[in-house]
């Protein structure tokens, strides 16, 4: 599996637009055959900070995701909403809870 945790800092005036396009990406991403999990999180203490927690079956599933229309629309749109380039960490599972 490929686990990606992405961190985004969003301009305060863009929060609602960011949420809208990110939910659009989320709704389409979870339909992909290679997606295991895709969570969109907003920091409770700083509303401008968001985290995307994604689990993909393998690298090929993640690569396919990055080629989709919804991902590219999201990627192009949020470029104007963030205060700095997003960062991410990539993990391999050791132990996951399956609910």
C-alpha atoms as a PDB file:
ATOM      1  CA  UNK A   1       0.000   0.000   0.000  1.00  0.00           C
ATOM      2  CA  UNK A   2       0.946   3.626  -0.446  1.00  0.00           C
ATOM      3  CA  UNK A   3      -0.144   5.985   2.312  1.00  0.00           C
ATOM      4  CA  UNK A   4       0.077   9.710   1.641  1.00  0.00           C
ATOM      5  CA  UNK A   5      -0.452  12.450   4.184  1.00  0.00           C
ATOM      6  CA  UNK A   6      -0.549  15.868   2.557  1.00  0.00           C
ATOM      7  CA  UNK A   7      -0.463  19.166   4.455  1.00  0.00           C
ATOM      8  CA  UNK A   8      -1.938  22.363   3.039  1.00  0.00           C
ATOM      9  CA  UNK A   9      -2.031  25.906   4.405  1.00  0.00           C
ATOM     10  CA  UNK A  10      -4.972  27.761   2.887  1.00  0.00           C
ATOM     11  CA  UNK A  11      -5.574  31.501   2.654  1.00  0.00           C
ATOM     12  CA  UNK A  12      -8.311  32.428   5.126  1.00  0.00           C
ATOM     13  CA  UNK A  13     -10.439  34.022   2.409  1.00  0.00           C
ATOM     14  CA  UNK A  14     -10.215  30.835   0.312  1.00  0.00           C
ATOM     15  CA  UNK A  15     -11.235  28.267   2.938  1.00  0.00           C
ATOM     16  CA  UNK A  16     -14.781  27.664   1.678  1.00  0.00           C
ATOM     17  CA  UNK A  17     -13.701  27.456  -1.973  1.00  0.00           C
ATOM     18  CA  UNK A  18     -10.881  25.112  -0.970  1.00  0.00           C
ATOM     19  CA  UNK A  19     -13.320  22.872   0.885  1.00  0.00           C
ATOM     20  CA  UNK A  20     -15.677  22.767  -2.080  1.00  0.00           C
ATOM     21  CA  UNK A  21     -13.056  21.704  -4.648  1.00  0.00           C
ATOM     22  CA  UNK A  22     -11.426  19.315  -2.164  1.00  0.00           C
ATOM     23  CA  UNK A  23     -14.735  17.569  -1.419  1.00  0.00           C
ATOM     24  CA  UNK A  24     -15.213  17.260  -5.192  1.00  0.00           C
ATOM     25  CA  UNK A  25     -11.799  15.586  -5.443  1.00  0.00           C
ATOM     26  CA  UNK A  26     -12.573  13.379  -2.432  1.00  0.00           C
ATOM     27  CA  UNK A  27     -15.948  12.237  -3.784  1.00  0.00           C
ATOM     28  CA  UNK A  28     -14.384  11.197  -7.085  1.00  0.00           C
ATOM     29  CA  UNK A  29     -11.212   9.738  -5.585  1.00  0.00           C
ATOM     30  CA  UNK A  30     -13.081   7.294  -3.336  1.00  0.00           C
ATOM     31  CA  UNK A  31     -14.727   5.863  -6.485  1.00  0.00           C
ATOM     32  CA  UNK A  32     -11.339   4.856  -7.903  1.00  0.00           C
ATOM     33  CA  UNK A  33     -10.689   1.111  -7.784  1.00  0.00           C
ATOM     34  CA  UNK A  34      -7.263   1.625  -6.214  1.00  0.00           C
ATOM     35  CA  UNK A  35      -8.432   3.873  -3.383  1.00  0.00           C
ATOM     36  CA  UNK A  36      -8.641   2.365   0.094  1.00  0.00           C
ATOM     37  CA  UNK A  37      -9.205   5.563   2.089  1.00  0.00           C
ATOM     38  CA  UNK A  38      -9.320   9.302   1.457  1.00  0.00           C
ATOM     39  CA  UNK A  39      -9.972  11.641   4.385  1.00  0.00           C
ATOM     40  CA  UNK A  40     -10.040  15.433   4.339  1.00  0.00           C
ATOM     41  CA  UNK A  41      -9.276  17.008   7.722  1.00  0.00           C
ATOM     42  CA  UNK A  42      -9.334  20.610   8.942  1.00  0.00           C
ATOM     43  CA  UNK A  43      -7.305  21.642  11.978  1.00  0.00           C
ATOM     44  CA  UNK A  44      -9.518  22.584  14.934  1.00  0.00           C
ATOM     45  CA  UNK A  45      -7.073  25.150  16.304  1.00  0.00           C
ATOM     46  CA  UNK A  46      -6.100  26.770  12.988  1.00  0.00           C
ATOM     47  CA  UNK A  47      -8.865  26.654  10.390  1.00  0.00           C
ATOM     48  CA  UNK A  48      -6.398  27.454   7.589  1.00  0.00           C
ATOM     49  CA  UNK A  49      -4.549  24.135   7.995  1.00  0.00           C
ATOM     50  CA  UNK A  50      -5.793  21.021   6.196  1.00  0.00           C
ATOM     51  CA  UNK A  51      -4.548  17.454   6.024  1.00  0.00           C
ATOM     52  CA  UNK A  52      -5.403  14.871   3.385  1.00  0.00           C
ATOM     53  CA  UNK A  53      -4.981  11.274   4.535  1.00  0.00           C
ATOM     54  CA  UNK A  54      -4.965   8.881   1.596  1.00  0.00           C
ATOM     55  CA  UNK A  55      -4.414   5.160   1.297  1.00  0.00           C
ATOM     56  CA  UNK A  56      -3.907   3.599  -2.133  1.00  0.00           C
ATOM     57  CA  UNK A  57      -3.623  -0.108  -2.947  1.00  0.00           C
ATOM     58  CA  UNK A  58      -0.211   0.436  -4.548  1.00  0.00           C
ATOM     59  CA  UNK A  59       1.962   2.961  -6.362  1.00  0.00           C
ATOM     60  CA  UNK A  60       0.151   2.275  -9.653  1.00  0.00           C
ATOM     61  CA  UNK A  61      -3.186   3.248  -8.071  1.00  0.00           C
ATOM     62  CA  UNK A  62      -1.687   6.480  -6.785  1.00  0.00           C
ATOM     63  CA  UNK A  63      -0.121   7.230 -10.171  1.00  0.00           C
ATOM     64  CA  UNK A  64      -3.478   6.621 -11.865  1.00  0.00           C
ATOM     65  CA  UNK A  65      -5.148   8.981  -9.365  1.00  0.00           C
ATOM     66  CA  UNK A  66      -2.734  11.749 -10.309  1.00  0.00           C
ATOM     67  CA  UNK A  67      -3.770  11.331 -13.977  1.00  0.00           C
ATOM     68  CA  UNK A  68      -7.509  11.765 -13.365  1.00  0.00           C
ATOM     69  CA  UNK A  69      -9.567  14.788 -14.362  1.00  0.00           C
ATOM     70  CA  UNK A  70     -10.771  15.403 -10.802  1.00  0.00           C
ATOM     71  CA  UNK A  71      -7.264  15.349  -9.332  1.00  0.00           C
ATOM     72  CA  UNK A  72      -5.894  17.677 -12.011  1.00  0.00           C
ATOM     73  CA  UNK A  73      -8.830  20.064 -11.612  1.00  0.00           C
ATOM     74  CA  UNK A  74      -8.256  20.068  -7.855  1.00  0.00           C
ATOM     75  CA  UNK A  75      -4.491  20.487  -8.213  1.00  0.00           C
ATOM     76  CA  UNK A  76      -4.803  23.412 -10.619  1.00  0.00           C
ATOM     77  CA  UNK A  77      -7.517  25.127  -8.574  1.00  0.00           C
ATOM     78  CA  UNK A  78      -5.925  24.921  -5.130  1.00  0.00           C
ATOM     79  CA  UNK A  79      -2.673  26.409  -6.386  1.00  0.00           C
ATOM     80  CA  UNK A  80      -4.303  29.829  -5.964  1.00  0.00           C
ATOM     81  CA  UNK A  81      -5.738  29.004  -2.535  1.00  0.00           C
ATOM     82  CA  UNK A  82      -2.621  27.997  -0.627  1.00  0.00           C
ATOM     83  CA  UNK A  83      -0.102  30.216   1.120  1.00  0.00           C
ATOM     84  CA  UNK A  84       2.846  27.947   0.303  1.00  0.00           C
ATOM     85  CA  UNK A  85       3.474  24.733  -1.622  1.00  0.00           C
ATOM     86  CA  UNK A  86       1.881  21.730   0.040  1.00  0.00           C
ATOM     87  CA  UNK A  87       4.074  19.184   1.731  1.00  0.00           C
ATOM     88  CA  UNK A  88       3.515  15.479   2.101  1.00  0.00           C
ATOM     89  CA  UNK A  89       4.823  12.379   3.746  1.00  0.00           C
ATOM     90  CA  UNK A  90       4.601   8.938   2.155  1.00  0.00           C
ATOM     91  CA  UNK A  91       4.331   5.803   4.283  1.00  0.00           C
ATOM     92  CA  UNK A  92       4.106   2.041   4.077  1.00  0.00           C
ATOM     93  CA  UNK A  93       1.745   0.345   6.500  1.00  0.00           C
ATOM     94  CA  UNK A  94       2.941  -1.530   9.539  1.00  0.00           C
ATOM     95  CA  UNK A  95      -0.441  -2.031  11.243  1.00  0.00           C
ATOM     96  CA  UNK A  96      -3.745  -0.484  10.161  1.00  0.00           C
ATOM     97  CA  UNK A  97      -7.185  -0.546  11.733  1.00  0.00           C
ATOM     98  CA  UNK A  98      -9.781  -1.785   9.283  1.00  0.00           C
ATOM     99  CA  UNK A  99     -13.249  -0.474  10.140  1.00  0.00           C
END
